[in-house]
mmCIF file of all heavy atoms, coordinates in Angstrom:
data_MODEL
# 
_entry.id   MODEL 
# 
loop_
_atom_site.group_PDB 
_atom_site.id 
_atom_site.type_symbol 
_atom_site.label_atom_id 
_atom_site.label_alt_id 
_atom_site.label_comp_id 
_atom_site.label_asym_id 
_atom_site.label_entity_id 
_atom_site.label_seq_id 
_atom_site.pdbx_PDB_ins_code 
_atom_site.Cartn_x 
_atom_site.Cartn_y 
_atom_site.Cartn_z 
_atom_site.occupancy 
_atom_site.B_iso_or_equiv 
_atom_site.pdbx_formal_charge 
_atom_site.auth_seq_id 
_atom_site.auth_comp_id 
_atom_site.auth_asym_id 
_atom_site.auth_atom_id 
_atom_site.pdbx_PDB_model_num 
ATOM 1   N N   . ASN A 1 1  ? 0.776   -1.233  0.036   1.00 0.00 ? 1  ASN A N   1 
ATOM 2   C CA  . ASN A 1 1  ? -0.018  0.011   -0.024  1.00 0.00 ? 1  ASN A CA  1 
ATOM 3   C C   . ASN A 1 1  ? 0.811   1.247   -0.030  1.00 0.00 ? 1  ASN A C   1 
ATOM 4   O O   . ASN A 1 1  ? 0.404   2.322   -0.549  1.00 0.00 ? 1  ASN A O   1 
ATOM 5   C CB  . ASN A 1 1  ? -0.935  0.020   1.223   1.00 0.00 ? 1  ASN A CB  1 
ATOM 6   C CG  . ASN A 1 1  ? -2.063  -1.003  1.085   1.00 0.00 ? 1  ASN A CG  1 
ATOM 7   O OD1 . ASN A 1 1  ? -2.514  -1.299  -0.054  1.00 0.00 ? 1  ASN A OD1 1 
ATOM 8   N ND2 . ASN A 1 1  ? -2.434  -1.643  2.169   1.00 0.00 ? 1  ASN A ND2 1 
ATOM 9   N N   . ALA A 1 2  ? 2.019   1.193   0.547   1.00 0.00 ? 2  ALA A N   1 
ATOM 10  C CA  . ALA A 1 2  ? 2.890   2.392   0.595   1.00 0.00 ? 2  ALA A CA  1 
ATOM 11  C C   . ALA A 1 2  ? 3.365   2.732   -0.795  1.00 0.00 ? 2  ALA A C   1 
ATOM 12  O O   . ALA A 1 2  ? 3.642   3.882   -1.072  1.00 0.00 ? 2  ALA A O   1 
ATOM 13  C CB  . ALA A 1 2  ? 4.091   2.077   1.551   1.00 0.00 ? 2  ALA A CB  1 
ATOM 14  N N   . LYS A 1 3  ? 3.547   1.692   -1.608  1.00 0.00 ? 3  LYS A N   1 
ATOM 15  C CA  . LYS A 1 3  ? 4.031   1.951   -3.001  1.00 0.00 ? 3  LYS A CA  1 
ATOM 16  C C   . LYS A 1 3  ? 2.898   1.897   -3.973  1.00 0.00 ? 3  LYS A C   1 
ATOM 17  O O   . LYS A 1 3  ? 3.096   2.054   -5.255  1.00 0.00 ? 3  LYS A O   1 
ATOM 18  C CB  . LYS A 1 3  ? 5.077   0.788   -3.387  1.00 0.00 ? 3  LYS A CB  1 
ATOM 19  C CG  . LYS A 1 3  ? 6.407   0.910   -2.528  1.00 0.00 ? 3  LYS A CG  1 
ATOM 20  C CD  . LYS A 1 3  ? 7.343   -0.134  -3.016  1.00 0.00 ? 3  LYS A CD  1 
ATOM 21  C CE  . LYS A 1 3  ? 8.686   -0.078  -2.283  1.00 0.00 ? 3  LYS A CE  1 
ATOM 22  N NZ  . LYS A 1 3  ? 9.611   -1.122  -2.700  1.00 0.00 ? 3  LYS A NZ  1 
ATOM 23  N N   . ASN A 1 4  ? 1.715   1.739   -3.493  1.00 0.00 ? 4  ASN A N   1 
ATOM 24  C CA  . ASN A 1 4  ? 0.529   1.594   -4.410  1.00 0.00 ? 4  ASN A CA  1 
ATOM 25  C C   . ASN A 1 4  ? 0.739   0.618   -5.504  1.00 0.00 ? 4  ASN A C   1 
ATOM 26  O O   . ASN A 1 4  ? 0.443   0.901   -6.727  1.00 0.00 ? 4  ASN A O   1 
ATOM 27  C CB  . ASN A 1 4  ? 0.257   3.051   -4.985  1.00 0.00 ? 4  ASN A CB  1 
ATOM 28  C CG  . ASN A 1 4  ? -0.033  4.060   -3.910  1.00 0.00 ? 4  ASN A CG  1 
ATOM 29  O OD1 . ASN A 1 4  ? -0.868  3.803   -3.022  1.00 0.00 ? 4  ASN A OD1 1 
ATOM 30  N ND2 . ASN A 1 4  ? 0.641   5.157   -3.977  1.00 0.00 ? 4  ASN A ND2 1 
ATOM 31  N N   . THR A 1 5  ? 1.256   -0.528  -5.090  1.00 0.00 ? 5  THR A N   1 
ATOM 32  C CA  . THR A 1 5  ? 1.624   -1.559  -6.105  1.00 0.00 ? 5  THR A CA  1 
ATOM 33  C C   . THR A 1 5  ? 1.050   -2.860  -5.689  1.00 0.00 ? 5  THR A C   1 
ATOM 34  O O   . THR A 1 5  ? 1.024   -3.185  -4.520  1.00 0.00 ? 5  THR A O   1 
ATOM 35  C CB  . THR A 1 5  ? 3.175   -1.657  -6.284  1.00 0.00 ? 5  THR A CB  1 
ATOM 36  O OG1 . THR A 1 5  ? 3.685   -0.387  -6.692  1.00 0.00 ? 5  THR A OG1 1 
ATOM 37  C CG2 . THR A 1 5  ? 3.519   -2.677  -7.272  1.00 0.00 ? 5  THR A CG2 1 
ATOM 38  N N   . VAL A 1 6  ? 0.579   -3.630  -6.599  1.00 0.00 ? 6  VAL A N   1 
ATOM 39  C CA  . VAL A 1 6  ? 0.113   -4.990  -6.400  1.00 0.00 ? 6  VAL A CA  1 
ATOM 40  C C   . VAL A 1 6  ? 0.904   -5.916  -7.266  1.00 0.00 ? 6  VAL A C   1 
ATOM 41  O O   . VAL A 1 6  ? 1.354   -5.618  -8.322  1.00 0.00 ? 6  VAL A O   1 
ATOM 42  C CB  . VAL A 1 6  ? -1.386  -5.077  -6.702  1.00 0.00 ? 6  VAL A CB  1 
ATOM 43  C CG1 . VAL A 1 6  ? -1.715  -4.841  -8.154  1.00 0.00 ? 6  VAL A CG1 1 
ATOM 44  C CG2 . VAL A 1 6  ? -1.920  -6.435  -6.252  1.00 0.00 ? 6  VAL A CG2 1 
ATOM 45  N N   . TYR A 1 7  ? 1.207   -7.106  -6.699  1.00 0.00 ? 7  TYR A N   1 
ATOM 46  C CA  . TYR A 1 7  ? 2.083   -8.121  -7.355  1.00 0.00 ? 7  TYR A CA  1 
ATOM 47  C C   . TYR A 1 7  ? 1.296   -9.387  -7.564  1.00 0.00 ? 7  TYR A C   1 
ATOM 48  O O   . TYR A 1 7  ? 0.403   -9.709  -6.798  1.00 0.00 ? 7  TYR A O   1 
ATOM 49  C CB  . TYR A 1 7  ? 3.291   -8.374  -6.485  1.00 0.00 ? 7  TYR A CB  1 
ATOM 50  C CG  . TYR A 1 7  ? 4.103   -7.074  -6.166  1.00 0.00 ? 7  TYR A CG  1 
ATOM 51  C CD1 . TYR A 1 7  ? 3.864   -6.478  -4.930  1.00 0.00 ? 7  TYR A CD1 1 
ATOM 52  C CD2 . TYR A 1 7  ? 5.088   -6.607  -7.009  1.00 0.00 ? 7  TYR A CD2 1 
ATOM 53  C CE1 . TYR A 1 7  ? 4.607   -5.310  -4.599  1.00 0.00 ? 7  TYR A CE1 1 
ATOM 54  C CE2 . TYR A 1 7  ? 5.773   -5.474  -6.722  1.00 0.00 ? 7  TYR A CE2 1 
ATOM 55  C CZ  . TYR A 1 7  ? 5.541   -4.882  -5.431  1.00 0.00 ? 7  TYR A CZ  1 
ATOM 56  O OH  . TYR A 1 7  ? 6.276   -3.741  -5.128  1.00 0.00 ? 7  TYR A OH  1 
ATOM 57  N N   . LEU A 1 8  ? 1.796   -10.156 -8.578  1.00 0.00 ? 8  LEU A N   1 
ATOM 58  C CA  . LEU A 1 8  ? 1.219   -11.489 -8.716  1.00 0.00 ? 8  LEU A CA  1 
ATOM 59  C C   . LEU A 1 8  ? 2.411   -12.407 -8.994  1.00 0.00 ? 8  LEU A C   1 
ATOM 60  O O   . LEU A 1 8  ? 3.064   -12.338 -10.062 1.00 0.00 ? 8  LEU A O   1 
ATOM 61  C CB  . LEU A 1 8  ? 0.272   -11.546 -9.933  1.00 0.00 ? 8  LEU A CB  1 
ATOM 62  C CG  . LEU A 1 8  ? -0.395  -12.870 -10.139 1.00 0.00 ? 8  LEU A CG  1 
ATOM 63  C CD1 . LEU A 1 8  ? -1.409  -13.182 -8.947  1.00 0.00 ? 8  LEU A CD1 1 
ATOM 64  C CD2 . LEU A 1 8  ? -1.130  -12.935 -11.469 1.00 0.00 ? 8  LEU A CD2 1 
ATOM 65  N N   . GLN A 1 9  ? 2.740   -13.254 -7.981  1.00 0.00 ? 9  GLN A N   1 
ATOM 66  C CA  . GLN A 1 9  ? 3.809   -14.213 -8.129  1.00 0.00 ? 9  GLN A CA  1 
ATOM 67  C C   . GLN A 1 9  ? 3.202   -15.415 -8.689  1.00 0.00 ? 9  GLN A C   1 
ATOM 68  O O   . GLN A 1 9  ? 2.272   -15.996 -8.140  1.00 0.00 ? 9  GLN A O   1 
ATOM 69  C CB  . GLN A 1 9  ? 4.437   -14.529 -6.776  1.00 0.00 ? 9  GLN A CB  1 
ATOM 70  C CG  . GLN A 1 9  ? 5.516   -15.561 -6.881  1.00 0.00 ? 9  GLN A CG  1 
ATOM 71  C CD  . GLN A 1 9  ? 6.772   -15.140 -7.630  1.00 0.00 ? 9  GLN A CD  1 
ATOM 72  O OE1 . GLN A 1 9  ? 7.185   -13.981 -7.527  1.00 0.00 ? 9  GLN A OE1 1 
ATOM 73  N NE2 . GLN A 1 9  ? 7.282   -15.993 -8.404  1.00 0.00 ? 9  GLN A NE2 1 
ATOM 74  N N   . MET A 1 10 ? 3.718   -15.876 -9.870  1.00 0.00 ? 10 MET A N   1 
ATOM 75  C CA  . MET A 1 10 ? 3.120   -17.055 -10.564 1.00 0.00 ? 10 MET A CA  1 
ATOM 76  C C   . MET A 1 10 ? 4.222   -18.090 -10.612 1.00 0.00 ? 10 MET A C   1 
ATOM 77  O O   . MET A 1 10 ? 5.285   -17.940 -11.191 1.00 0.00 ? 10 MET A O   1 
ATOM 78  C CB  . MET A 1 10 ? 2.749   -16.594 -12.002 1.00 0.00 ? 10 MET A CB  1 
ATOM 79  C CG  . MET A 1 10 ? 1.786   -15.470 -11.969 1.00 0.00 ? 10 MET A CG  1 
ATOM 80  S SD  . MET A 1 10 ? 1.108   -15.062 -13.598 1.00 0.00 ? 10 MET A SD  1 
ATOM 81  C CE  . MET A 1 10 ? 2.646   -14.522 -14.449 1.00 0.00 ? 10 MET A CE  1 
ATOM 82  N N   . ASN A 1 11 ? 3.918   -19.179 -9.943  1.00 0.00 ? 11 ASN A N   1 
ATOM 83  C CA  . ASN A 1 11 ? 4.806   -20.387 -10.021 1.00 0.00 ? 11 ASN A CA  1 
ATOM 84  C C   . ASN A 1 11 ? 4.197   -21.564 -10.675 1.00 0.00 ? 11 ASN A C   1 
ATOM 85  O O   . ASN A 1 11 ? 2.935   -21.535 -10.873 1.00 0.00 ? 11 ASN A O   1 
ATOM 86  C CB  . ASN A 1 11 ? 5.180   -20.803 -8.564  1.00 0.00 ? 11 ASN A CB  1 
ATOM 87  C CG  . ASN A 1 11 ? 5.901   -19.613 -7.767  1.00 0.00 ? 11 ASN A CG  1 
ATOM 88  O OD1 . ASN A 1 11 ? 6.634   -18.846 -8.336  1.00 0.00 ? 11 ASN A OD1 1 
ATOM 89  N ND2 . ASN A 1 11 ? 5.636   -19.553 -6.482  1.00 0.00 ? 11 ASN A ND2 1 
ATOM 90  N N   . SER A 1 12 ? 5.031   -22.542 -11.021 1.00 0.00 ? 12 SER A N   1 
ATOM 91  C CA  . SER A 1 12 ? 4.522   -23.767 -11.665 1.00 0.00 ? 12 SER A CA  1 
ATOM 92  C C   . SER A 1 12 ? 3.600   -23.438 -12.846 1.00 0.00 ? 12 SER A C   1 
ATOM 93  O O   . SER A 1 12 ? 2.485   -23.992 -12.974 1.00 0.00 ? 12 SER A O   1 
ATOM 94  C CB  . SER A 1 12 ? 3.784   -24.665 -10.671 1.00 0.00 ? 12 SER A CB  1 
ATOM 95  O OG  . SER A 1 12 ? 4.577   -24.980 -9.559  1.00 0.00 ? 12 SER A OG  1 
ATOM 96  N N   . LEU A 1 13 ? 4.086   -22.581 -13.710 1.00 0.00 ? 13 LEU A N   1 
ATOM 97  C CA  . LEU A 1 13 ? 3.226   -22.032 -14.757 1.00 0.00 ? 13 LEU A CA  1 
ATOM 98  C C   . LEU A 1 13 ? 2.968   -23.171 -15.856 1.00 0.00 ? 13 LEU A C   1 
ATOM 99  O O   . LEU A 1 13 ? 3.794   -24.063 -16.067 1.00 0.00 ? 13 LEU A O   1 
ATOM 100 C CB  . LEU A 1 13 ? 3.954   -20.925 -15.460 1.00 0.00 ? 13 LEU A CB  1 
ATOM 101 C CG  . LEU A 1 13 ? 3.726   -19.581 -14.704 1.00 0.00 ? 13 LEU A CG  1 
ATOM 102 C CD1 . LEU A 1 13 ? 4.781   -18.486 -15.163 1.00 0.00 ? 13 LEU A CD1 1 
ATOM 103 C CD2 . LEU A 1 13 ? 2.332   -18.967 -14.924 1.00 0.00 ? 13 LEU A CD2 1 
ATOM 104 N N   . LYS A 1 14 ? 1.716   -23.145 -16.373 1.00 0.00 ? 14 LYS A N   1 
ATOM 105 C CA  . LYS A 1 14 ? 1.314   -24.084 -17.353 1.00 0.00 ? 14 LYS A CA  1 
ATOM 106 C C   . LYS A 1 14 ? 1.029   -23.462 -18.693 1.00 0.00 ? 14 LYS A C   1 
ATOM 107 O O   . LYS A 1 14 ? 0.690   -22.281 -18.678 1.00 0.00 ? 14 LYS A O   1 
ATOM 108 C CB  . LYS A 1 14 ? 0.029   -24.802 -16.852 1.00 0.00 ? 14 LYS A CB  1 
ATOM 109 C CG  . LYS A 1 14 ? 0.125   -25.452 -15.448 1.00 0.00 ? 14 LYS A CG  1 
ATOM 110 C CD  . LYS A 1 14 ? -1.190  -25.999 -14.987 1.00 0.00 ? 14 LYS A CD  1 
ATOM 111 C CE  . LYS A 1 14 ? -1.080  -26.609 -13.637 1.00 0.00 ? 14 LYS A CE  1 
ATOM 112 N NZ  . LYS A 1 14 ? -2.351  -27.164 -13.141 1.00 0.00 ? 14 LYS A NZ  1 
ATOM 113 N N   . PRO A 1 15 ? 0.976   -24.199 -19.731 1.00 0.00 ? 15 PRO A N   1 
ATOM 114 C CA  . PRO A 1 15 ? 0.662   -23.561 -21.041 1.00 0.00 ? 15 PRO A CA  1 
ATOM 115 C C   . PRO A 1 15 ? -0.664  -22.870 -21.034 1.00 0.00 ? 15 PRO A C   1 
ATOM 116 O O   . PRO A 1 15 ? -0.929  -21.808 -21.663 1.00 0.00 ? 15 PRO A O   1 
ATOM 117 C CB  . PRO A 1 15 ? 0.700   -24.693 -22.003 1.00 0.00 ? 15 PRO A CB  1 
ATOM 118 C CG  . PRO A 1 15 ? 1.690   -25.664 -21.409 1.00 0.00 ? 15 PRO A CG  1 
ATOM 119 C CD  . PRO A 1 15 ? 1.519   -25.536 -19.950 1.00 0.00 ? 15 PRO A CD  1 
ATOM 120 N N   . GLU A 1 16 ? -1.625  -23.412 -20.215 1.00 0.00 ? 16 GLU A N   1 
ATOM 121 C CA  . GLU A 1 16 ? -2.958  -22.840 -20.150 1.00 0.00 ? 16 GLU A CA  1 
ATOM 122 C C   . GLU A 1 16 ? -3.012  -21.543 -19.407 1.00 0.00 ? 16 GLU A C   1 
ATOM 123 O O   . GLU A 1 16 ? -4.046  -20.876 -19.384 1.00 0.00 ? 16 GLU A O   1 
ATOM 124 C CB  . GLU A 1 16 ? -3.990  -23.814 -19.628 1.00 0.00 ? 16 GLU A CB  1 
ATOM 125 C CG  . GLU A 1 16 ? -3.566  -24.418 -18.304 1.00 0.00 ? 16 GLU A CG  1 
ATOM 126 C CD  . GLU A 1 16 ? -2.926  -25.843 -18.489 1.00 0.00 ? 16 GLU A CD  1 
ATOM 127 O OE1 . GLU A 1 16 ? -2.083  -25.994 -19.403 1.00 0.00 ? 16 GLU A OE1 1 
ATOM 128 O OE2 . GLU A 1 16 ? -3.288  -26.746 -17.701 1.00 0.00 ? 16 GLU A OE2 1 
ATOM 129 N N   . ASP A 1 17 ? -1.932  -21.127 -18.791 1.00 0.00 ? 17 ASP A N   1 
ATOM 130 C CA  . ASP A 1 17 ? -1.874  -19.844 -18.117 1.00 0.00 ? 17 ASP A CA  1 
ATOM 131 C C   . ASP A 1 17 ? -1.517  -18.733 -19.135 1.00 0.00 ? 17 ASP A C   1 
ATOM 132 O O   . ASP A 1 17 ? -1.535  -17.514 -18.801 1.00 0.00 ? 17 ASP A O   1 
ATOM 133 C CB  . ASP A 1 17 ? -0.806  -19.849 -17.059 1.00 0.00 ? 17 ASP A CB  1 
ATOM 134 C CG  . ASP A 1 17 ? -1.135  -20.773 -15.882 1.00 0.00 ? 17 ASP A CG  1 
ATOM 135 O OD1 . ASP A 1 17 ? -2.306  -20.771 -15.472 1.00 0.00 ? 17 ASP A OD1 1 
ATOM 136 O OD2 . ASP A 1 17 ? -0.237  -21.450 -15.388 1.00 0.00 ? 17 ASP A OD2 1 
ATOM 137 N N   . THR A 1 18 ? -1.233  -19.116 -20.346 1.00 0.00 ? 18 THR A N   1 
ATOM 138 C CA  . THR A 1 18 ? -0.894  -18.131 -21.412 1.00 0.00 ? 18 THR A CA  1 
ATOM 139 C C   . THR A 1 18 ? -2.090  -17.269 -21.637 1.00 0.00 ? 18 THR A C   1 
ATOM 140 O O   . THR A 1 18 ? -3.222  -17.615 -21.887 1.00 0.00 ? 18 THR A O   1 
ATOM 141 C CB  . THR A 1 18 ? -0.466  -18.775 -22.687 1.00 0.00 ? 18 THR A CB  1 
ATOM 142 O OG1 . THR A 1 18 ? 0.742   -19.562 -22.538 1.00 0.00 ? 18 THR A OG1 1 
ATOM 143 C CG2 . THR A 1 18 ? -0.273  -17.828 -23.845 1.00 0.00 ? 18 THR A CG2 1 
ATOM 144 N N   . ALA A 1 19 ? -1.896  -15.846 -21.574 1.00 0.00 ? 19 ALA A N   1 
ATOM 145 C CA  . ALA A 1 19 ? -2.874  -14.903 -21.705 1.00 0.00 ? 19 ALA A CA  1 
ATOM 146 C C   . ALA A 1 19 ? -2.345  -13.514 -21.534 1.00 0.00 ? 19 ALA A C   1 
ATOM 147 O O   . ALA A 1 19 ? -1.142  -13.369 -21.186 1.00 0.00 ? 19 ALA A O   1 
ATOM 148 C CB  . ALA A 1 19 ? -4.010  -15.134 -20.671 1.00 0.00 ? 19 ALA A CB  1 
ATOM 149 N N   . VAL A 1 20 ? -3.124  -12.539 -21.847 1.00 0.00 ? 20 VAL A N   1 
ATOM 150 C CA  . VAL A 1 20 ? -2.813  -11.153 -21.480 1.00 0.00 ? 20 VAL A CA  1 
ATOM 151 C C   . VAL A 1 20 ? -3.393  -10.916 -20.043 1.00 0.00 ? 20 VAL A C   1 
ATOM 152 O O   . VAL A 1 20 ? -4.536  -11.222 -19.816 1.00 0.00 ? 20 VAL A O   1 
ATOM 153 C CB  . VAL A 1 20 ? -3.396  -10.143 -22.459 1.00 0.00 ? 20 VAL A CB  1 
ATOM 154 C CG1 . VAL A 1 20 ? -3.084  -8.750  -21.996 1.00 0.00 ? 20 VAL A CG1 1 
ATOM 155 C CG2 . VAL A 1 20 ? -2.887  -10.391 -23.874 1.00 0.00 ? 20 VAL A CG2 1 
ATOM 156 N N   . TYR A 1 21 ? -2.467  -10.485 -19.140 1.00 0.00 ? 21 TYR A N   1 
ATOM 157 C CA  . TYR A 1 21 ? -2.924  -10.236 -17.820 1.00 0.00 ? 21 TYR A CA  1 
ATOM 158 C C   . TYR A 1 21 ? -3.148  -8.755  -17.567 1.00 0.00 ? 21 TYR A C   1 
ATOM 159 O O   . TYR A 1 21 ? -2.305  -7.885  -17.909 1.00 0.00 ? 21 TYR A O   1 
ATOM 160 C CB  . TYR A 1 21 ? -1.813  -10.783 -16.875 1.00 0.00 ? 21 TYR A CB  1 
ATOM 161 C CG  . TYR A 1 21 ? -1.851  -12.341 -16.783 1.00 0.00 ? 21 TYR A CG  1 
ATOM 162 C CD1 . TYR A 1 21 ? -1.448  -13.062 -17.808 1.00 0.00 ? 21 TYR A CD1 1 
ATOM 163 C CD2 . TYR A 1 21 ? -2.219  -12.913 -15.589 1.00 0.00 ? 21 TYR A CD2 1 
ATOM 164 C CE1 . TYR A 1 21 ? -1.455  -14.499 -17.742 1.00 0.00 ? 21 TYR A CE1 1 
ATOM 165 C CE2 . TYR A 1 21 ? -2.327  -14.281 -15.481 1.00 0.00 ? 21 TYR A CE2 1 
ATOM 166 C CZ  . TYR A 1 21 ? -1.892  -15.049 -16.573 1.00 0.00 ? 21 TYR A CZ  1 
ATOM 167 O OH  . TYR A 1 21 ? -1.949  -16.429 -16.452 1.00 0.00 ? 21 TYR A OH  1 
ATOM 168 N N   . TYR A 1 22 ? -4.316  -8.467  -17.006 1.00 0.00 ? 22 TYR A N   1 
ATOM 169 C CA  . TYR A 1 22 ? -4.657  -7.058  -16.749 1.00 0.00 ? 22 TYR A CA  1 
ATOM 170 C C   . TYR A 1 22 ? -4.784  -6.751  -15.254 1.00 0.00 ? 22 TYR A C   1 
ATOM 171 O O   . TYR A 1 22 ? -5.365  -7.614  -14.489 1.00 0.00 ? 22 TYR A O   1 
ATOM 172 C CB  . TYR A 1 22 ? -6.015  -6.765  -17.432 1.00 0.00 ? 22 TYR A CB  1 
ATOM 173 C CG  . TYR A 1 22 ? -6.093  -6.907  -18.925 1.00 0.00 ? 22 TYR A CG  1 
ATOM 174 C CD1 . TYR A 1 22 ? -6.370  -8.088  -19.513 1.00 0.00 ? 22 TYR A CD1 1 
ATOM 175 C CD2 . TYR A 1 22 ? -5.768  -5.783  -19.710 1.00 0.00 ? 22 TYR A CD2 1 
ATOM 176 C CE1 . TYR A 1 22 ? -6.385  -8.191  -20.899 1.00 0.00 ? 22 TYR A CE1 1 
ATOM 177 C CE2 . TYR A 1 22 ? -5.821  -5.840  -21.099 1.00 0.00 ? 22 TYR A CE2 1 
ATOM 178 C CZ  . TYR A 1 22 ? -6.129  -7.063  -21.706 1.00 0.00 ? 22 TYR A CZ  1 
ATOM 179 O OH  . TYR A 1 22 ? -6.117  -7.194  -23.103 1.00 0.00 ? 22 TYR A OH  1 
ATOM 180 N N   . CYS A 1 23 ? -4.258  -5.635  -14.903 1.00 0.00 ? 23 CYS A N   1 
ATOM 181 C CA  . CYS A 1 23 ? -4.486  -5.158  -13.519 1.00 0.00 ? 23 CYS A CA  1 
ATOM 182 C C   . CYS A 1 23 ? -5.744  -4.409  -13.433 1.00 0.00 ? 23 CYS A C   1 
ATOM 183 O O   . CYS A 1 23 ? -6.101  -3.658  -14.386 1.00 0.00 ? 23 CYS A O   1 
ATOM 184 C CB  . CYS A 1 23 ? -3.230  -4.212  -13.189 1.00 0.00 ? 23 CYS A CB  1 
ATOM 185 S SG  . CYS A 1 23 ? -3.298  -3.589  -11.477 1.00 0.00 ? 23 CYS A SG  1 
ATOM 186 N N   . ASN A 1 24 ? -6.408  -4.480  -12.298 1.00 0.00 ? 24 ASN A N   1 
ATOM 187 C CA  . ASN A 1 24 ? -7.721  -3.861  -12.047 1.00 0.00 ? 24 ASN A CA  1 
ATOM 188 C C   . ASN A 1 24 ? -7.677  -3.200  -10.630 1.00 0.00 ? 24 ASN A C   1 
ATOM 189 O O   . ASN A 1 24 ? -7.159  -3.708  -9.773  1.00 0.00 ? 24 ASN A O   1 
ATOM 190 C CB  . ASN A 1 24 ? -8.820  -4.844  -12.211 1.00 0.00 ? 24 ASN A CB  1 
ATOM 191 C CG  . ASN A 1 24 ? -10.171 -4.313  -11.715 1.00 0.00 ? 24 ASN A CG  1 
ATOM 192 O OD1 . ASN A 1 24 ? -10.435 -4.407  -10.536 1.00 0.00 ? 24 ASN A OD1 1 
ATOM 193 N ND2 . ASN A 1 24 ? -10.951 -3.783  -12.675 1.00 0.00 ? 24 ASN A ND2 1 
# 
C-alpha cells in the first residue's frame, strides 16, 4: 500500500496460463 503496487507471483506455470494479464 505504501508503494501503491500490487504483485502477482506465478509459480509452476502451465501452457494454459498463457494470456494477457490485466491489472484492475
